[in-house]
């Protein structure tokens, strides 16, 4: 596959797309109970998420189309969201369904609606009126998921993604060594996948535990979905684990939210223990990157020399950017 080196050689194009038309991990599912509404921002765009009494989550533009009141202060009535100012009611598709004192609400301006799904213990929102690709499929239906609190890293999303595709730093930072050549696959315009098998050369507690658990054969699949979601699936032979990380623009860099997964236990109470172990292994591995990435000024011109990172840069350069600053 030809790499779009020119895009990264041009100083105007050296910075990656900031706000992408893609799926974003908005919050843990448990953070939004039936009848609740919450505001959510995405680099110049403001949305509200609300869960109707049926349990379904919807996403609308945040400011009422009537007078501009912020709908995060509204009230959920059945499956509708009621504006706090004049009590107009909007359904999940953004259509105004009721106006106090009027028998017919047809013809009233409505809200922009955004696609929403719930997976992996989290609420995923697509930044755009129509999803350009389906939400990712990670692991399998048997896995149990739990979402942790977000962390902020002082850099943009591309260095974080590049960090996962940077094979060289596996040895220097994570104390892993490849057992063979890695494989990179461009699945479709929105999906880039890396596969490799590694062994442990570190001596820390989590390193020794991983070495014993995997018999020193760690098969890893890393998939970047639309530039905003990254899944990591680890096959350790005796067990499997998975991670879904969501990247969101933040005033201080990038907010990263993570959901962790593990197979269910065979005895009661084992699910929580397995999830705790999965989270510990992943966070022990990823913690080594945080201090390295914080404040990083990514140099794509140097990264082009790496054959795996070249695929990532070409992938990133072609992702659709959202330049609409409409705030709803």
C-alpha atoms as a PDB file:
ATOM      1  CA  UNK A   1       0.000   0.000   0.000  1.00  0.00           C
ATOM      2  CA  UNK A   2       1.370   3.392  -1.013  1.00  0.00           C
ATOM      3  CA  UNK A   3       1.924   5.749   1.893  1.00  0.00           C
ATOM      4  CA  UNK A   4       0.802   9.363   1.696  1.00  0.00           C
ATOM      5  CA  UNK A   5       4.218  10.764   2.658  1.00  0.00           C
ATOM      6  CA  UNK A   6       3.471  14.090   0.952  1.00  0.00           C
ATOM      7  CA  UNK A   7       0.638  14.794   3.377  1.00  0.00           C
ATOM      8  CA  UNK A   8       3.046  14.648   6.319  1.00  0.00           C
ATOM      9  CA  UNK A   9       5.897  16.438   4.546  1.00  0.00           C
ATOM     10  CA  UNK A  10       3.673  19.486   3.951  1.00  0.00           C
ATOM     11  CA  UNK A  11       3.889  21.769   7.044  1.00  0.00           C
ATOM     12  CA  UNK A  12       0.214  22.665   6.602  1.00  0.00           C
ATOM     13  CA  UNK A  13      -0.729  19.003   6.924  1.00  0.00           C
ATOM     14  CA  UNK A  14       1.745  18.030   9.634  1.00  0.00           C
ATOM     15  CA  UNK A  15      -0.945  18.145  12.333  1.00  0.00           C
ATOM     16  CA  UNK A  16      -3.452  15.307  12.289  1.00  0.00           C
ATOM     17  CA  UNK A  17      -7.236  15.791  12.067  1.00  0.00           C
ATOM     18  CA  UNK A  18      -8.355  17.035  15.480  1.00  0.00           C
ATOM     19  CA  UNK A  19     -12.051  16.145  15.635  1.00  0.00           C
ATOM     20  CA  UNK A  20     -12.978  13.130  13.580  1.00  0.00           C
ATOM     21  CA  UNK A  21     -16.258  11.832  12.227  1.00  0.00           C
ATOM     22  CA  UNK A  22     -16.094   8.638  14.211  1.00  0.00           C
ATOM     23  CA  UNK A  23     -17.360   6.769  17.268  1.00  0.00           C
ATOM     24  CA  UNK A  24     -16.387   8.179  20.664  1.00  0.00           C
ATOM     25  CA  UNK A  25     -16.521   6.517  24.070  1.00  0.00           C
ATOM     26  CA  UNK A  26     -18.705   9.018  25.937  1.00  0.00           C
ATOM     27  CA  UNK A  27     -19.017   7.527  29.427  1.00  0.00           C
ATOM     28  CA  UNK A  28     -19.639   4.279  31.343  1.00  0.00           C
ATOM     29  CA  UNK A  29     -23.149   2.900  30.879  1.00  0.00           C
ATOM     30  CA  UNK A  30     -23.683   2.986  34.628  1.00  0.00           C
ATOM     31  CA  UNK A  31     -23.104   6.771  34.656  1.00  0.00           C
ATOM     32  CA  UNK A  32     -26.477   7.362  32.980  1.00  0.00           C
ATOM     33  CA  UNK A  33     -29.462   5.770  34.700  1.00  0.00           C
ATOM     34  CA  UNK A  34     -33.062   5.750  33.355  1.00  0.00           C
ATOM     35  CA  UNK A  35     -34.529   9.244  33.588  1.00  0.00           C
ATOM     36  CA  UNK A  36     -31.124  10.969  33.689  1.00  0.00           C
ATOM     37  CA  UNK A  37     -29.606  13.515  31.293  1.00  0.00           C
ATOM     38  CA  UNK A  38     -25.985  14.695  31.042  1.00  0.00           C
ATOM     39  CA  UNK A  39     -24.007  17.159  28.946  1.00  0.00           C
ATOM     40  CA  UNK A  40     -21.087  15.973  26.837  1.00  0.00           C
ATOM     41  CA  UNK A  41     -18.639  18.094  24.816  1.00  0.00           C
ATOM     42  CA  UNK A  42     -16.400  17.272  21.888  1.00  0.00           C
ATOM     43  CA  UNK A  43     -14.009  20.044  20.926  1.00  0.00           C
ATOM     44  CA  UNK A  44     -16.476  22.797  19.987  1.00  0.00           C
ATOM     45  CA  UNK A  45     -19.543  20.592  19.756  1.00  0.00           C
ATOM     46  CA  UNK A  46     -21.886  20.196  22.715  1.00  0.00           C
ATOM     47  CA  UNK A  47     -24.330  17.312  23.047  1.00  0.00           C
ATOM     48  CA  UNK A  48     -26.675  15.935  25.662  1.00  0.00           C
ATOM     49  CA  UNK A  49     -27.146  12.250  26.398  1.00  0.00           C
ATOM     50  CA  UNK A  50     -30.331  11.041  28.037  1.00  0.00           C
ATOM     51  CA  UNK A  51     -31.714   7.643  28.953  1.00  0.00           C
ATOM     52  CA  UNK A  52     -35.461   7.187  28.571  1.00  0.00           C
ATOM     53  CA  UNK A  53     -37.544   5.172  30.995  1.00  0.00           C
ATOM     54  CA  UNK A  54     -37.269   2.164  28.650  1.00  0.00           C
ATOM     55  CA  UNK A  55     -33.492   2.235  29.160  1.00  0.00           C
ATOM     56  CA  UNK A  56     -32.556   3.411  25.664  1.00  0.00           C
ATOM     57  CA  UNK A  57     -29.875   6.128  25.401  1.00  0.00           C
ATOM     58  CA  UNK A  58     -30.225   9.004  22.925  1.00  0.00           C
ATOM     59  CA  UNK A  59     -27.930  11.905  21.942  1.00  0.00           C
ATOM     60  CA  UNK A  60     -29.055  15.356  20.770  1.00  0.00           C
ATOM     61  CA  UNK A  61     -27.443  18.726  20.126  1.00  0.00           C
ATOM     62  CA  UNK A  62     -27.211  20.495  23.468  1.00  0.00           C
ATOM     63  CA  UNK A  63     -28.929  23.848  22.926  1.00  0.00           C
ATOM     64  CA  UNK A  64     -32.661  24.029  22.371  1.00  0.00           C
ATOM     65  CA  UNK A  65     -33.577  24.987  18.802  1.00  0.00           C
ATOM     66  CA  UNK A  66     -36.226  27.346  20.205  1.00  0.00           C
ATOM     67  CA  UNK A  67     -34.377  29.828  22.478  1.00  0.00           C
ATOM     68  CA  UNK A  68     -31.040  28.109  23.039  1.00  0.00           C
ATOM     69  CA  UNK A  69     -31.434  26.802  26.606  1.00  0.00           C
ATOM     70  CA  UNK A  70     -28.971  24.037  27.503  1.00  0.00           C
ATOM     71  CA  UNK A  71     -30.862  20.745  27.512  1.00  0.00           C
ATOM     72  CA  UNK A  72     -28.540  19.227  30.124  1.00  0.00           C
ATOM     73  CA  UNK A  73     -30.782  21.104  32.585  1.00  0.00           C
ATOM     74  CA  UNK A  74     -33.857  19.466  31.068  1.00  0.00           C
ATOM     75  CA  UNK A  75     -36.045  16.637  32.319  1.00  0.00           C
ATOM     76  CA  UNK A  76     -36.606  13.172  30.876  1.00  0.00           C
ATOM     77  CA  UNK A  77     -40.326  12.515  30.401  1.00  0.00           C
ATOM     78  CA  UNK A  78     -40.880   8.930  29.278  1.00  0.00           C
ATOM     79  CA  UNK A  79     -38.757   8.666  26.116  1.00  0.00           C
ATOM     80  CA  UNK A  80     -38.631  12.429  25.520  1.00  0.00           C
ATOM     81  CA  UNK A  81     -36.335  15.196  26.741  1.00  0.00           C
ATOM     82  CA  UNK A  82     -38.103  18.339  27.967  1.00  0.00           C
ATOM     83  CA  UNK A  83     -36.422  21.727  27.638  1.00  0.00           C
ATOM     84  CA  UNK A  84     -36.044  23.479  31.023  1.00  0.00           C
ATOM     85  CA  UNK A  85     -37.149  26.884  29.695  1.00  0.00           C
ATOM     86  CA  UNK A  86     -40.393  26.515  27.715  1.00  0.00           C
ATOM     87  CA  UNK A  87     -40.933  22.757  28.176  1.00  0.00           C
ATOM     88  CA  UNK A  88     -40.760  21.787  24.542  1.00  0.00           C
ATOM     89  CA  UNK A  89     -40.326  18.027  24.302  1.00  0.00           C
ATOM     90  CA  UNK A  90     -37.988  16.291  21.869  1.00  0.00           C
ATOM     91  CA  UNK A  91     -37.792  12.600  21.051  1.00  0.00           C
ATOM     92  CA  UNK A  92     -34.602  10.659  20.441  1.00  0.00           C
ATOM     93  CA  UNK A  93     -34.596  11.574  16.744  1.00  0.00           C
ATOM     94  CA  UNK A  94     -34.709  15.281  17.636  1.00  0.00           C
ATOM     95  CA  UNK A  95     -38.297  15.900  16.529  1.00  0.00           C
ATOM     96  CA  UNK A  96     -40.324  18.285  18.672  1.00  0.00           C
ATOM     97  CA  UNK A  97     -43.284  16.251  19.927  1.00  0.00           C
ATOM     98  CA  UNK A  98     -45.035  18.601  22.330  1.00  0.00           C
ATOM     99  CA  UNK A  99     -45.296  22.351  23.060  1.00  0.00           C
ATOM    100  CA  UNK A 100     -47.295  23.546  26.089  1.00  0.00           C
ATOM    101  CA  UNK A 101     -50.502  25.343  25.109  1.00  0.00           C
ATOM    102  CA  UNK A 102     -50.469  23.944  21.561  1.00  0.00           C
ATOM    103  CA  UNK A 103     -52.275  20.845  20.387  1.00  0.00           C
ATOM    104  CA  UNK A 104     -49.948  20.343  17.413  1.00  0.00           C
ATOM    105  CA  UNK A 105     -46.144  20.602  17.625  1.00  0.00           C
ATOM    106  CA  UNK A 106     -45.522  19.805  13.961  1.00  0.00           C
ATOM    107  CA  UNK A 107     -43.396  22.286  12.063  1.00  0.00           C
ATOM    108  CA  UNK A 108     -41.427  23.341  15.147  1.00  0.00           C
ATOM    109  CA  UNK A 109     -37.612  23.351  14.809  1.00  0.00           C
ATOM    110  CA  UNK A 110     -35.938  20.238  16.151  1.00  0.00           C
ATOM    111  CA  UNK A 111     -32.593  19.082  17.513  1.00  0.00           C
ATOM    112  CA  UNK A 112     -29.778  17.360  15.649  1.00  0.00           C
ATOM    113  CA  UNK A 113     -29.622  13.714  16.662  1.00  0.00           C
ATOM    114  CA  UNK A 114     -26.486  11.561  16.811  1.00  0.00           C
ATOM    115  CA  UNK A 115     -26.182   7.743  16.607  1.00  0.00           C
ATOM    116  CA  UNK A 116     -25.691   5.973  19.955  1.00  0.00           C
ATOM    117  CA  UNK A 117     -24.936   2.372  20.939  1.00  0.00           C
ATOM    118  CA  UNK A 118     -24.109   0.685  24.245  1.00  0.00           C
ATOM    119  CA  UNK A 119     -21.300  -1.848  24.227  1.00  0.00           C
ATOM    120  CA  UNK A 120     -18.400  -2.933  26.414  1.00  0.00           C
ATOM    121  CA  UNK A 121     -19.881  -1.333  29.525  1.00  0.00           C
ATOM    122  CA  UNK A 122     -19.870   2.067  27.825  1.00  0.00           C
ATOM    123  CA  UNK A 123     -21.969   4.484  25.776  1.00  0.00           C
ATOM    124  CA  UNK A 124     -20.577   5.138  22.284  1.00  0.00           C
ATOM    125  CA  UNK A 125     -21.646   8.216  20.297  1.00  0.00           C
ATOM    126  CA  UNK A 126     -20.957   8.904  16.622  1.00  0.00           C
ATOM    127  CA  UNK A 127     -19.865  12.455  15.811  1.00  0.00           C
ATOM    128  CA  UNK A 128     -22.169  13.099  12.874  1.00  0.00           C
ATOM    129  CA  UNK A 129     -25.818  12.666  11.888  1.00  0.00           C
ATOM    130  CA  UNK A 130     -25.200   9.288  10.203  1.00  0.00           C
ATOM    131  CA  UNK A 131     -22.552   6.754  11.202  1.00  0.00           C
ATOM    132  CA  UNK A 132     -19.996   6.200   8.443  1.00  0.00           C
ATOM    133  CA  UNK A 133     -19.071   2.751   9.755  1.00  0.00           C
ATOM    134  CA  UNK A 134     -20.464   0.341  12.347  1.00  0.00           C
ATOM    135  CA  UNK A 135     -19.213   0.420  15.940  1.00  0.00           C
ATOM    136  CA  UNK A 136     -16.333  -1.997  16.573  1.00  0.00           C
ATOM    137  CA  UNK A 137     -16.718  -5.660  17.448  1.00  0.00           C
ATOM    138  CA  UNK A 138     -14.206  -6.540  20.161  1.00  0.00           C
ATOM    139  CA  UNK A 139     -13.560  -9.876  21.832  1.00  0.00           C
ATOM    140  CA  UNK A 140     -16.700 -11.976  21.919  1.00  0.00           C
ATOM    141  CA  UNK A 141     -20.148 -12.062  23.529  1.00  0.00           C
ATOM    142  CA  UNK A 142     -18.835 -14.114  26.449  1.00  0.00           C
ATOM    143  CA  UNK A 143     -16.487 -11.412  27.743  1.00  0.00           C
ATOM    144  CA  UNK A 144     -17.430  -9.291  30.756  1.00  0.00           C
ATOM    145  CA  UNK A 145     -16.616  -5.565  30.625  1.00  0.00           C
ATOM    146  CA  UNK A 146     -15.996  -2.749  33.088  1.00  0.00           C
ATOM    147  CA  UNK A 147     -15.166   0.899  32.298  1.00  0.00           C
ATOM    148  CA  UNK A 148     -12.610   2.793  34.374  1.00  0.00           C
ATOM    149  CA  UNK A 149     -12.277   6.546  35.007  1.00  0.00           C
ATOM    150  CA  UNK A 150     -10.742   8.668  32.211  1.00  0.00           C
ATOM    151  CA  UNK A 151      -7.196   9.992  32.305  1.00  0.00           C
ATOM    152  CA  UNK A 152      -5.845  13.047  30.469  1.00  0.00           C
ATOM    153  CA  UNK A 153      -2.619  12.819  28.489  1.00  0.00           C
ATOM    154  CA  UNK A 154      -0.904  16.026  27.395  1.00  0.00           C
ATOM    155  CA  UNK A 155      -0.712  15.301  23.670  1.00  0.00           C
ATOM    156  CA  UNK A 156      -3.036  14.791  20.713  1.00  0.00           C
ATOM    157  CA  UNK A 157      -4.603  11.447  19.785  1.00  0.00           C
ATOM    158  CA  UNK A 158      -2.127  10.486  17.036  1.00  0.00           C
ATOM    159  CA  UNK A 159       0.959  10.024  19.281  1.00  0.00           C
ATOM    160  CA  UNK A 160      -1.160   7.836  21.560  1.00  0.00           C
ATOM    161  CA  UNK A 161      -2.240   5.695  18.620  1.00  0.00           C
ATOM    162  CA  UNK A 162       1.288   5.669  17.202  1.00  0.00           C
ATOM    163  CA  UNK A 163       2.593   4.508  20.557  1.00  0.00           C
ATOM    164  CA  UNK A 164       0.579   1.299  20.210  1.00  0.00           C
ATOM    165  CA  UNK A 165       1.854   0.732  16.658  1.00  0.00           C
ATOM    166  CA  UNK A 166       5.475   1.541  17.596  1.00  0.00           C
ATOM    167  CA  UNK A 167       7.120  -1.871  17.655  1.00  0.00           C
ATOM    168  CA  UNK A 168      10.530  -0.538  18.689  1.00  0.00           C
ATOM    169  CA  UNK A 169       9.254   0.850  21.987  1.00  0.00           C
ATOM    170  CA  UNK A 170       7.936  -2.579  23.035  1.00  0.00           C
ATOM    171  CA  UNK A 171      11.490  -3.459  24.069  1.00  0.00           C
ATOM    172  CA  UNK A 172      12.623  -0.111  25.477  1.00  0.00           C
ATOM    173  CA  UNK A 173       9.489   0.748  27.482  1.00  0.00           C
ATOM    174  CA  UNK A 174       7.473  -2.447  27.922  1.00  0.00           C
ATOM    175  CA  UNK A 175      10.211  -5.086  28.123  1.00  0.00           C
ATOM    176  CA  UNK A 176       8.742  -7.281  25.384  1.00  0.00           C
ATOM    177  CA  UNK A 177      10.443  -8.872  22.405  1.00  0.00           C
ATOM    178  CA  UNK A 178       8.794 -10.024  19.182  1.00  0.00           C
ATOM    179  CA  UNK A 179       8.788 -13.717  18.304  1.00  0.00           C
ATOM    180  CA  UNK A 180       8.252 -12.985  14.631  1.00  0.00           C
ATOM    181  CA  UNK A 181       7.492 -10.245  12.127  1.00  0.00           C
ATOM    182  CA  UNK A 182       4.380  -8.167  12.896  1.00  0.00           C
ATOM    183  CA  UNK A 183       1.489  -8.001  10.435  1.00  0.00           C
ATOM    184  CA  UNK A 184      -0.414  -4.823   9.483  1.00  0.00           C
ATOM    185  CA  UNK A 185      -3.784  -4.958   7.729  1.00  0.00           C
ATOM    186  CA  UNK A 186      -5.925  -2.133   6.372  1.00  0.00           C
ATOM    187  CA  UNK A 187      -9.298  -3.811   6.918  1.00  0.00           C
ATOM    188  CA  UNK A 188     -11.318  -0.933   5.438  1.00  0.00           C
ATOM    189  CA  UNK A 189     -11.010   2.889   5.210  1.00  0.00           C
ATOM    190  CA  UNK A 190     -11.837   3.192   8.928  1.00  0.00           C
ATOM    191  CA  UNK A 191     -10.025   0.188  10.406  1.00  0.00           C
ATOM    192  CA  UNK A 192      -6.297  -0.501  10.785  1.00  0.00           C
ATOM    193  CA  UNK A 193      -5.085  -3.686  12.495  1.00  0.00           C
ATOM    194  CA  UNK A 194      -1.712  -4.820  13.857  1.00  0.00           C
ATOM    195  CA  UNK A 195      -0.926  -8.385  14.982  1.00  0.00           C
ATOM    196  CA  UNK A 196       2.189  -9.721  16.670  1.00  0.00           C
ATOM    197  CA  UNK A 197       3.394 -12.341  19.143  1.00  0.00           C
ATOM    198  CA  UNK A 198       5.811 -11.325  21.884  1.00  0.00           C
ATOM    199  CA  UNK A 199       7.698 -12.739  24.813  1.00  0.00           C
ATOM    200  CA  UNK A 200       8.534 -11.139  28.162  1.00  0.00           C
ATOM    201  CA  UNK A 201      12.023  -9.862  28.908  1.00  0.00           C
ATOM    202  CA  UNK A 202      11.059  -7.721  31.927  1.00  0.00           C
ATOM    203  CA  UNK A 203      11.383  -8.802  35.544  1.00  0.00           C
ATOM    204  CA  UNK A 204       8.676  -6.747  37.276  1.00  0.00           C
ATOM    205  CA  UNK A 205       5.779  -8.373  39.123  1.00  0.00           C
ATOM    206  CA  UNK A 206       3.277  -7.891  36.287  1.00  0.00           C
ATOM    207  CA  UNK A 207       5.925  -9.062  33.784  1.00  0.00           C
ATOM    208  CA  UNK A 208       6.543 -12.281  35.690  1.00  0.00           C
ATOM    209  CA  UNK A 209       2.813 -12.870  36.124  1.00  0.00           C
ATOM    210  CA  UNK A 210       2.193 -12.334  32.401  1.00  0.00           C
ATOM    211  CA  UNK A 211       5.083 -14.645  31.499  1.00  0.00           C
ATOM    212  CA  UNK A 212       3.686 -17.460  33.630  1.00  0.00           C
ATOM    213  CA  UNK A 213       0.101 -16.902  32.494  1.00  0.00           C
ATOM    214  CA  UNK A 214       0.960 -16.869  28.780  1.00  0.00           C
ATOM    215  CA  UNK A 215       3.796 -19.423  28.876  1.00  0.00           C
ATOM    216  CA  UNK A 216       5.774 -16.574  27.311  1.00  0.00           C
ATOM    217  CA  UNK A 217       3.711 -16.474  24.100  1.00  0.00           C
ATOM    218  CA  UNK A 218       1.559 -13.309  24.104  1.00  0.00           C
ATOM    219  CA  UNK A 219      -0.531 -12.996  20.941  1.00  0.00           C
ATOM    220  CA  UNK A 220      -1.743  -9.406  20.542  1.00  0.00           C
ATOM    221  CA  UNK A 221      -4.208  -7.821  18.122  1.00  0.00           C
ATOM    222  CA  UNK A 222      -4.412  -4.017  18.121  1.00  0.00           C
ATOM    223  CA  UNK A 223      -7.127  -2.361  16.042  1.00  0.00           C
ATOM    224  CA  UNK A 224      -7.621   1.357  15.492  1.00  0.00           C
ATOM    225  CA  UNK A 225     -11.253   2.172  14.700  1.00  0.00           C
ATOM    226  CA  UNK A 226     -11.779   5.543  13.009  1.00  0.00           C
ATOM    227  CA  UNK A 227      -8.880   7.109  14.917  1.00  0.00           C
ATOM    228  CA  UNK A 228     -10.941   7.506  18.094  1.00  0.00           C
ATOM    229  CA  UNK A 229     -11.303   3.966  19.451  1.00  0.00           C
ATOM    230  CA  UNK A 230      -8.522   1.430  19.897  1.00  0.00           C
ATOM    231  CA  UNK A 231      -9.069  -2.174  20.871  1.00  0.00           C
ATOM    232  CA  UNK A 232      -6.339  -4.441  22.239  1.00  0.00           C
ATOM    233  CA  UNK A 233      -7.024  -8.188  22.405  1.00  0.00           C
ATOM    234  CA  UNK A 234      -4.531 -10.459  24.156  1.00  0.00           C
ATOM    235  CA  UNK A 235      -4.575 -14.231  23.708  1.00  0.00           C
ATOM    236  CA  UNK A 236      -2.530 -15.744  26.530  1.00  0.00           C
ATOM    237  CA  UNK A 237      -3.312 -19.358  25.708  1.00  0.00           C
ATOM    238  CA  UNK A 238      -4.915 -20.165  29.059  1.00  0.00           C
ATOM    239  CA  UNK A 239      -7.108 -17.089  28.979  1.00  0.00           C
ATOM    240  CA  UNK A 240      -7.973 -14.013  26.943  1.00  0.00           C
ATOM    241  CA  UNK A 241      -8.415 -10.370  27.823  1.00  0.00           C
ATOM    242  CA  UNK A 242      -9.413  -7.230  25.941  1.00  0.00           C
ATOM    243  CA  UNK A 243      -9.277  -3.471  26.229  1.00  0.00           C
ATOM    244  CA  UNK A 244     -11.188  -0.721  24.447  1.00  0.00           C
ATOM    245  CA  UNK A 245      -9.673   2.770  24.723  1.00  0.00           C
ATOM    246  CA  UNK A 246     -11.521   5.882  23.603  1.00  0.00           C
ATOM    247  CA  UNK A 247      -9.753   9.125  22.635  1.00  0.00           C
ATOM    248  CA  UNK A 248     -11.492  12.495  23.006  1.00  0.00           C
ATOM    249  CA  UNK A 249     -10.044  16.003  22.464  1.00  0.00           C
ATOM    250  CA  UNK A 250      -9.465  17.820  25.746  1.00  0.00           C
ATOM    251  CA  UNK A 251      -8.293  21.356  26.575  1.00  0.00           C
ATOM    252  CA  UNK A 252      -5.117  19.872  28.052  1.00  0.00           C
ATOM    253  CA  UNK A 253      -4.546  17.189  25.426  1.00  0.00           C
ATOM    254  CA  UNK A 254      -6.543  13.970  25.025  1.00  0.00           C
ATOM    255  CA  UNK A 255      -8.956  12.373  27.457  1.00  0.00           C
ATOM    256  CA  UNK A 256      -8.566   8.588  27.363  1.00  0.00           C
ATOM    257  CA  UNK A 257     -11.326   6.317  28.677  1.00  0.00           C
ATOM    258  CA  UNK A 258     -10.785   2.567  28.929  1.00  0.00           C
ATOM    259  CA  UNK A 259     -13.041  -0.468  29.231  1.00  0.00           C
ATOM    260  CA  UNK A 260     -11.453  -3.738  30.359  1.00  0.00           C
ATOM    261  CA  UNK A 261     -12.709  -7.249  29.621  1.00  0.00           C
ATOM    262  CA  UNK A 262     -12.123 -10.804  30.797  1.00  0.00           C
ATOM    263  CA  UNK A 263     -13.903 -14.166  30.377  1.00  0.00           C
ATOM    264  CA  UNK A 264     -16.508 -14.983  33.035  1.00  0.00           C
ATOM    265  CA  UNK A 265     -15.469 -17.081  36.006  1.00  0.00           C
ATOM    266  CA  UNK A 266     -16.775 -20.597  36.567  1.00  0.00           C
ATOM    267  CA  UNK A 267     -17.683 -19.952  40.189  1.00  0.00           C
ATOM    268  CA  UNK A 268     -19.706 -17.073  41.705  1.00  0.00           C
ATOM    269  CA  UNK A 269     -17.666 -13.966  42.390  1.00  0.00           C
ATOM    270  CA  UNK A 270     -14.911 -14.815  39.913  1.00  0.00           C
ATOM    271  CA  UNK A 271     -16.043 -12.263  37.307  1.00  0.00           C
ATOM    272  CA  UNK A 272     -14.959  -9.344  39.460  1.00  0.00           C
ATOM    273  CA  UNK A 273     -11.616 -10.983  40.244  1.00  0.00           C
ATOM    274  CA  UNK A 274     -10.893 -11.737  36.581  1.00  0.00           C
ATOM    275  CA  UNK A 275     -11.793  -8.169  35.584  1.00  0.00           C
ATOM    276  CA  UNK A 276      -9.557  -6.818  38.333  1.00  0.00           C
ATOM    277  CA  UNK A 277      -6.652  -8.940  37.083  1.00  0.00           C
ATOM    278  CA  UNK A 278      -7.268  -7.858  33.472  1.00  0.00           C
ATOM    279  CA  UNK A 279      -7.346  -4.216  34.510  1.00  0.00           C
ATOM    280  CA  UNK A 280      -4.170  -4.600  36.579  1.00  0.00           C
ATOM    281  CA  UNK A 281      -2.241  -6.233  33.734  1.00  0.00           C
ATOM    282  CA  UNK A 282      -3.336  -3.652  31.166  1.00  0.00           C
ATOM    283  CA  UNK A 283      -2.793  -0.632  33.423  1.00  0.00           C
ATOM    284  CA  UNK A 284       0.610  -1.927  34.563  1.00  0.00           C
ATOM    285  CA  UNK A 285       1.563  -2.212  30.900  1.00  0.00           C
ATOM    286  CA  UNK A 286       0.107   1.168  29.852  1.00  0.00           C
ATOM    287  CA  UNK A 287       1.293   3.139  32.896  1.00  0.00           C
ATOM    288  CA  UNK A 288       4.808   3.034  31.473  1.00  0.00           C
ATOM    289  CA  UNK A 289       3.629   5.124  28.521  1.00  0.00           C
ATOM    290  CA  UNK A 290       1.901   7.936  30.388  1.00  0.00           C
ATOM    291  CA  UNK A 291       4.997   9.823  31.510  1.00  0.00           C
ATOM    292  CA  UNK A 292       6.585   9.322  28.092  1.00  0.00           C
ATOM    293  CA  UNK A 293       3.612  10.618  26.083  1.00  0.00           C
ATOM    294  CA  UNK A 294       2.695  13.548  28.318  1.00  0.00           C
ATOM    295  CA  UNK A 295       3.838  16.751  26.611  1.00  0.00           C
ATOM    296  CA  UNK A 296       5.030  14.917  23.499  1.00  0.00           C
ATOM    297  CA  UNK A 297       5.363  16.822  20.214  1.00  0.00           C
ATOM    298  CA  UNK A 298       4.935  14.026  17.716  1.00  0.00           C
ATOM    299  CA  UNK A 299       7.270  14.104  14.697  1.00  0.00           C
ATOM    300  CA  UNK A 300       5.551  12.249  11.830  1.00  0.00           C
ATOM    301  CA  UNK A 301       8.470  13.001   9.521  1.00  0.00           C
ATOM    302  CA  UNK A 302      10.686  10.716  11.610  1.00  0.00           C
ATOM    303  CA  UNK A 303       7.948   8.120  12.048  1.00  0.00           C
ATOM    304  CA  UNK A 304       7.712   7.646   8.271  1.00  0.00           C
ATOM    305  CA  UNK A 305      10.967   5.671   8.435  1.00  0.00           C
ATOM    306  CA  UNK A 306       9.216   2.924  10.424  1.00  0.00           C
ATOM    307  CA  UNK A 307       7.316   0.522   8.088  1.00  0.00           C
ATOM    308  CA  UNK A 308       4.492  -0.112  10.580  1.00  0.00           C
ATOM    309  CA  UNK A 309       4.077   3.552  11.502  1.00  0.00           C
ATOM    310  CA  UNK A 310       3.954   4.459   7.808  1.00  0.00           C
ATOM    311  CA  UNK A 311       0.715   2.490   7.555  1.00  0.00           C
ATOM    312  CA  UNK A 312      -0.677   4.351  10.542  1.00  0.00           C
ATOM    313  CA  UNK A 313       0.234   7.782   9.141  1.00  0.00           C
ATOM    314  CA  UNK A 314      -1.375   6.974   5.799  1.00  0.00           C
ATOM    315  CA  UNK A 315      -4.479   5.747   7.611  1.00  0.00           C
ATOM    316  CA  UNK A 316      -4.676   8.882   9.788  1.00  0.00           C
ATOM    317  CA  UNK A 317      -4.204  11.282   6.865  1.00  0.00           C
ATOM    318  CA  UNK A 318      -7.301   9.899   5.127  1.00  0.00           C
ATOM    319  CA  UNK A 319      -9.699   9.913   8.087  1.00  0.00           C
ATOM    320  CA  UNK A 320     -12.687  12.278   7.685  1.00  0.00           C
ATOM    321  CA  UNK A 321     -12.388  15.417   9.809  1.00  0.00           C
ATOM    322  CA  UNK A 322     -15.362  17.233  11.312  1.00  0.00           C
ATOM    323  CA  UNK A 323     -14.951  20.972  10.694  1.00  0.00           C
ATOM    324  CA  UNK A 324     -18.492  21.952  11.647  1.00  0.00           C
ATOM    325  CA  UNK A 325     -18.358  24.134  14.765  1.00  0.00           C
ATOM    326  CA  UNK A 326     -22.131  24.087  15.222  1.00  0.00           C
ATOM    327  CA  UNK A 327     -22.779  23.838  18.941  1.00  0.00           C
ATOM    328  CA  UNK A 328     -26.424  22.835  18.773  1.00  0.00           C
END
